Amino acid sequence: MSVLGSNEVLIVKRPLVSILSNRGASASSVSYTLKAGTTGWKPNMAVRDAVSSKQYTTDGNGDLVVSVVNGEPLVLLDASLRP
């Protein structure tokens, strides 16, 4: 587990990568870059948030920029693992 900011933690238990926040629903959004060295993701890889079903794509280095909006959690995984 890693602390991302004063209100978020990053939990990596492959294949899941989760961001949990205690900001609350009225908080402004905040963005983080998740590095490939931490997540294990490959360049240009499709990633899906299991909570919102939002799709992302990692950059050429395998890094991914995500935003925590309204304090909602993100549970990210390789989109190819979708049943």
N, C-alpha and C. Protein backbone atom coordinates (compact mmCIF):
# COMPACT_ATOMS: atom_id res chain seq x y z
N MET A 1 0.86 -1.17 0.00
CA MET A 1 0.00 0.00 0.00
C MET A 1 0.90 1.23 0.00
N SER A 2 0.51 2.21 -0.80
CA SER A 2 1.25 3.47 -0.90
C SER A 2 0.30 4.63 -0.70
N VAL A 3 0.80 5.68 -0.08
CA VAL A 3 0.02 6.91 0.08
C VAL A 3 0.24 7.77 -1.15
N LEU A 4 -0.84 8.15 -1.83
CA LEU A 4 -0.74 8.99 -3.02
C LEU A 4 -0.78 10.47 -2.68
N GLY A 5 -1.56 10.83 -1.71
CA GLY A 5 -1.70 12.21 -1.29
C GLY A 5 -2.20 12.20 0.14
N SER A 6 -2.68 13.31 0.60
CA SER A 6 -3.15 13.35 1.98
C SER A 6 -4.47 12.61 2.17
N ASN A 7 -5.15 12.27 1.05
CA ASN A 7 -6.46 11.64 1.16
C ASN A 7 -6.62 10.33 0.40
N GLU A 8 -5.60 9.89 -0.34
CA GLU A 8 -5.73 8.68 -1.14
C GLU A 8 -4.63 7.68 -0.83
N VAL A 9 -4.99 6.39 -0.97
CA VAL A 9 -4.01 5.32 -0.89
C VAL A 9 -4.11 4.48 -2.16
N LEU A 10 -2.99 3.92 -2.55
CA LEU A 10 -2.89 3.04 -3.71
C LEU A 10 -2.61 1.64 -3.19
N ILE A 11 -3.43 0.68 -3.61
CA ILE A 11 -3.24 -0.71 -3.22
C ILE A 11 -3.06 -1.52 -4.50
N VAL A 12 -1.92 -2.18 -4.61
CA VAL A 12 -1.62 -2.99 -5.79
C VAL A 12 -1.56 -4.44 -5.36
N LYS A 13 -2.49 -5.22 -5.82
CA LYS A 13 -2.52 -6.66 -5.63
C LYS A 13 -2.92 -7.22 -6.98
N ARG A 14 -1.91 -7.44 -7.82
CA ARG A 14 -2.17 -7.82 -9.21
C ARG A 14 -3.10 -9.01 -9.28
N PRO A 15 -4.08 -8.95 -10.17
CA PRO A 15 -4.22 -8.02 -11.29
C PRO A 15 -4.96 -6.73 -10.95
N LEU A 16 -5.35 -6.51 -9.69
CA LEU A 16 -6.10 -5.30 -9.33
C LEU A 16 -5.17 -4.19 -8.86
N VAL A 17 -5.51 -2.97 -9.25
CA VAL A 17 -4.86 -1.76 -8.76
C VAL A 17 -5.98 -0.86 -8.28
N SER A 18 -5.99 -0.54 -6.99
CA SER A 18 -7.10 0.23 -6.41
C SER A 18 -6.61 1.53 -5.83
N ILE A 19 -7.45 2.56 -5.98
CA ILE A 19 -7.22 3.84 -5.32
C ILE A 19 -8.44 4.10 -4.44
N LEU A 20 -8.19 4.28 -3.17
CA LEU A 20 -9.26 4.57 -2.21
C LEU A 20 -9.05 5.96 -1.65
N SER A 21 -10.14 6.69 -1.44
CA SER A 21 -10.07 8.07 -1.01
C SER A 21 -11.03 8.33 0.14
N ASN A 22 -10.69 9.29 0.97
CA ASN A 22 -11.62 9.74 2.01
C ASN A 22 -12.01 11.20 1.80
N ARG A 23 -11.97 11.67 0.56
CA ARG A 23 -12.28 13.05 0.23
C ARG A 23 -13.76 13.39 0.39
N GLY A 24 -14.63 12.45 0.11
CA GLY A 24 -16.06 12.73 0.20
C GLY A 24 -16.63 13.17 -1.13
N ALA A 25 -17.93 13.09 -1.25
CA ALA A 25 -18.62 13.34 -2.52
C ALA A 25 -18.53 14.78 -3.00
N SER A 26 -18.34 15.73 -2.12
CA SER A 26 -18.31 17.14 -2.53
C SER A 26 -16.90 17.65 -2.83
N ALA A 27 -15.91 16.78 -2.78
CA ALA A 27 -14.52 17.19 -2.99
C ALA A 27 -14.23 17.42 -4.47
N SER A 28 -13.24 18.26 -4.72
CA SER A 28 -12.80 18.46 -6.09
C SER A 28 -12.00 17.24 -6.53
N SER A 29 -11.86 17.08 -7.85
CA SER A 29 -11.14 15.93 -8.36
C SER A 29 -9.63 16.15 -8.26
N VAL A 30 -8.90 15.05 -8.22
CA VAL A 30 -7.45 15.09 -8.16
C VAL A 30 -6.92 14.00 -9.08
N SER A 31 -5.82 14.29 -9.79
CA SER A 31 -5.25 13.34 -10.76
C SER A 31 -3.93 12.79 -10.26
N TYR A 32 -3.67 11.54 -10.63
CA TYR A 32 -2.43 10.87 -10.29
C TYR A 32 -1.91 10.11 -11.50
N THR A 33 -0.59 10.02 -11.60
CA THR A 33 0.03 9.19 -12.62
C THR A 33 0.49 7.90 -11.96
N LEU A 34 -0.06 6.79 -12.42
CA LEU A 34 0.31 5.48 -11.90
C LEU A 34 1.42 4.94 -12.80
N LYS A 35 2.59 4.73 -12.25
CA LYS A 35 3.76 4.32 -13.02
C LYS A 35 3.74 2.82 -13.30
N ALA A 36 4.21 2.46 -14.49
CA ALA A 36 4.24 1.06 -14.91
C ALA A 36 5.06 0.20 -13.95
N GLY A 37 6.10 0.77 -13.37
CA GLY A 37 6.92 0.02 -12.42
C GLY A 37 6.15 -0.39 -11.18
N THR A 38 5.11 0.35 -10.86
CA THR A 38 4.27 0.03 -9.70
C THR A 38 3.13 -0.90 -10.09
N THR A 39 2.51 -0.65 -11.24
CA THR A 39 1.31 -1.41 -11.63
C THR A 39 1.63 -2.69 -12.39
N GLY A 40 2.76 -2.71 -13.10
CA GLY A 40 3.11 -3.86 -13.94
C GLY A 40 2.45 -3.81 -15.31
N TRP A 41 1.77 -2.70 -15.63
CA TRP A 41 1.10 -2.58 -16.91
C TRP A 41 2.08 -2.32 -18.05
N LYS A 42 1.69 -2.75 -19.22
CA LYS A 42 2.52 -2.61 -20.42
C LYS A 42 2.11 -1.36 -21.20
N PRO A 43 2.99 -0.90 -22.12
CA PRO A 43 2.65 0.26 -22.95
C PRO A 43 1.40 0.02 -23.79
N ASN A 44 0.60 1.06 -23.93
CA ASN A 44 -0.61 1.06 -24.77
C ASN A 44 -1.58 -0.06 -24.42
N MET A 45 -1.69 -0.34 -23.15
CA MET A 45 -2.55 -1.43 -22.66
C MET A 45 -3.91 -0.89 -22.27
N ALA A 46 -4.97 -1.61 -22.59
CA ALA A 46 -6.32 -1.22 -22.20
C ALA A 46 -6.55 -1.60 -20.74
N VAL A 47 -7.06 -0.63 -19.98
CA VAL A 47 -7.32 -0.81 -18.55
C VAL A 47 -8.77 -0.38 -18.29
N ARG A 48 -9.45 -1.12 -17.43
CA ARG A 48 -10.86 -0.83 -17.13
C ARG A 48 -11.03 -0.62 -15.64
N ASP A 49 -11.88 0.35 -15.29
CA ASP A 49 -12.27 0.56 -13.89
C ASP A 49 -13.49 -0.33 -13.63
N ALA A 50 -13.35 -1.28 -12.73
CA ALA A 50 -14.44 -2.22 -12.43
C ALA A 50 -15.62 -1.55 -11.75
N VAL A 51 -15.41 -0.38 -11.13
CA VAL A 51 -16.50 0.33 -10.45
C VAL A 51 -17.36 1.10 -11.44
N SER A 52 -16.71 1.89 -12.30
CA SER A 52 -17.45 2.77 -13.22
C SER A 52 -17.54 2.22 -14.64
N SER A 53 -16.78 1.19 -14.95
CA SER A 53 -16.66 0.61 -16.30
C SER A 53 -15.96 1.55 -17.28
N LYS A 54 -15.35 2.62 -16.78
CA LYS A 54 -14.61 3.54 -17.64
C LYS A 54 -13.36 2.84 -18.19
N GLN A 55 -13.08 3.10 -19.46
CA GLN A 55 -11.92 2.53 -20.12
C GLN A 55 -10.78 3.53 -20.17
N TYR A 56 -9.56 3.04 -19.97
CA TYR A 56 -8.35 3.85 -20.05
C TYR A 56 -7.36 3.13 -20.95
N THR A 57 -6.33 3.84 -21.39
CA THR A 57 -5.22 3.23 -22.11
C THR A 57 -3.93 3.79 -21.55
N THR A 58 -2.99 2.91 -21.22
CA THR A 58 -1.71 3.37 -20.71
C THR A 58 -0.95 4.07 -21.84
N ASP A 59 0.00 4.89 -21.46
CA ASP A 59 0.80 5.60 -22.46
C ASP A 59 1.91 4.69 -22.98
N GLY A 60 2.80 5.25 -23.77
CA GLY A 60 3.88 4.48 -24.38
C GLY A 60 4.87 3.88 -23.41
N ASN A 61 4.83 4.33 -22.15
CA ASN A 61 5.70 3.78 -21.11
C ASN A 61 4.97 2.79 -20.21
N GLY A 62 3.65 2.69 -20.38
CA GLY A 62 2.84 1.84 -19.50
C GLY A 62 2.28 2.60 -18.32
N ASP A 63 2.51 3.92 -18.27
CA ASP A 63 1.97 4.75 -17.20
C ASP A 63 0.52 5.13 -17.50
N LEU A 64 -0.24 5.45 -16.46
CA LEU A 64 -1.64 5.80 -16.64
C LEU A 64 -2.00 6.96 -15.74
N VAL A 65 -2.64 7.99 -16.31
CA VAL A 65 -3.13 9.13 -15.53
C VAL A 65 -4.61 8.88 -15.25
N VAL A 66 -4.97 8.92 -13.97
CA VAL A 66 -6.37 8.73 -13.56
C VAL A 66 -6.77 9.87 -12.64
N SER A 67 -8.07 10.09 -12.55
CA SER A 67 -8.59 11.12 -11.65
C SER A 67 -9.53 10.49 -10.64
N VAL A 68 -9.39 10.92 -9.40
CA VAL A 68 -10.35 10.56 -8.35
C VAL A 68 -11.39 11.67 -8.35
N VAL A 69 -12.64 11.31 -8.66
CA VAL A 69 -13.73 12.28 -8.78
C VAL A 69 -14.77 11.99 -7.71
N ASN A 70 -15.17 13.02 -6.99
CA ASN A 70 -16.18 12.89 -5.93
C ASN A 70 -15.79 11.86 -4.87
N GLY A 71 -14.50 11.63 -4.70
CA GLY A 71 -14.03 10.69 -3.68
C GLY A 71 -14.32 9.24 -3.99
N GLU A 72 -14.77 8.94 -5.22
CA GLU A 72 -15.12 7.57 -5.58
C GLU A 72 -13.87 6.71 -5.77
N PRO A 73 -13.95 5.45 -5.36
CA PRO A 73 -12.79 4.56 -5.52
C PRO A 73 -12.60 4.16 -6.98
N LEU A 74 -11.39 3.76 -7.31
CA LEU A 74 -11.09 3.18 -8.61
C LEU A 74 -10.55 1.78 -8.36
N VAL A 75 -11.04 0.82 -9.11
CA VAL A 75 -10.53 -0.55 -9.06
C VAL A 75 -10.18 -0.91 -10.49
N LEU A 76 -8.91 -0.82 -10.80
CA LEU A 76 -8.44 -0.92 -12.17
C LEU A 76 -7.86 -2.30 -12.46
N LEU A 77 -8.12 -2.80 -13.66
CA LEU A 77 -7.54 -4.06 -14.07
C LEU A 77 -7.41 -4.10 -15.58
N ASP A 78 -6.56 -5.01 -16.04
CA ASP A 78 -6.34 -5.23 -17.46
C ASP A 78 -7.69 -5.51 -18.11
N ALA A 79 -8.06 -4.74 -19.12
CA ALA A 79 -9.36 -4.90 -19.76
C ALA A 79 -9.52 -6.25 -20.44
N SER A 80 -8.44 -6.92 -20.76
CA SER A 80 -8.54 -8.24 -21.40
C SER A 80 -9.02 -9.30 -20.42
N LEU A 81 -9.02 -9.00 -19.12
CA LEU A 81 -9.48 -9.95 -18.11
C LEU A 81 -11.00 -9.92 -17.95
N ARG A 82 -11.64 -9.05 -18.67
CA ARG A 82 -13.10 -8.92 -18.58
C ARG A 82 -13.77 -10.22 -19.02
N PRO A 83 -14.73 -10.70 -18.23
CA PRO A 83 -15.38 -11.97 -18.58
C PRO A 83 -16.20 -11.87 -19.85
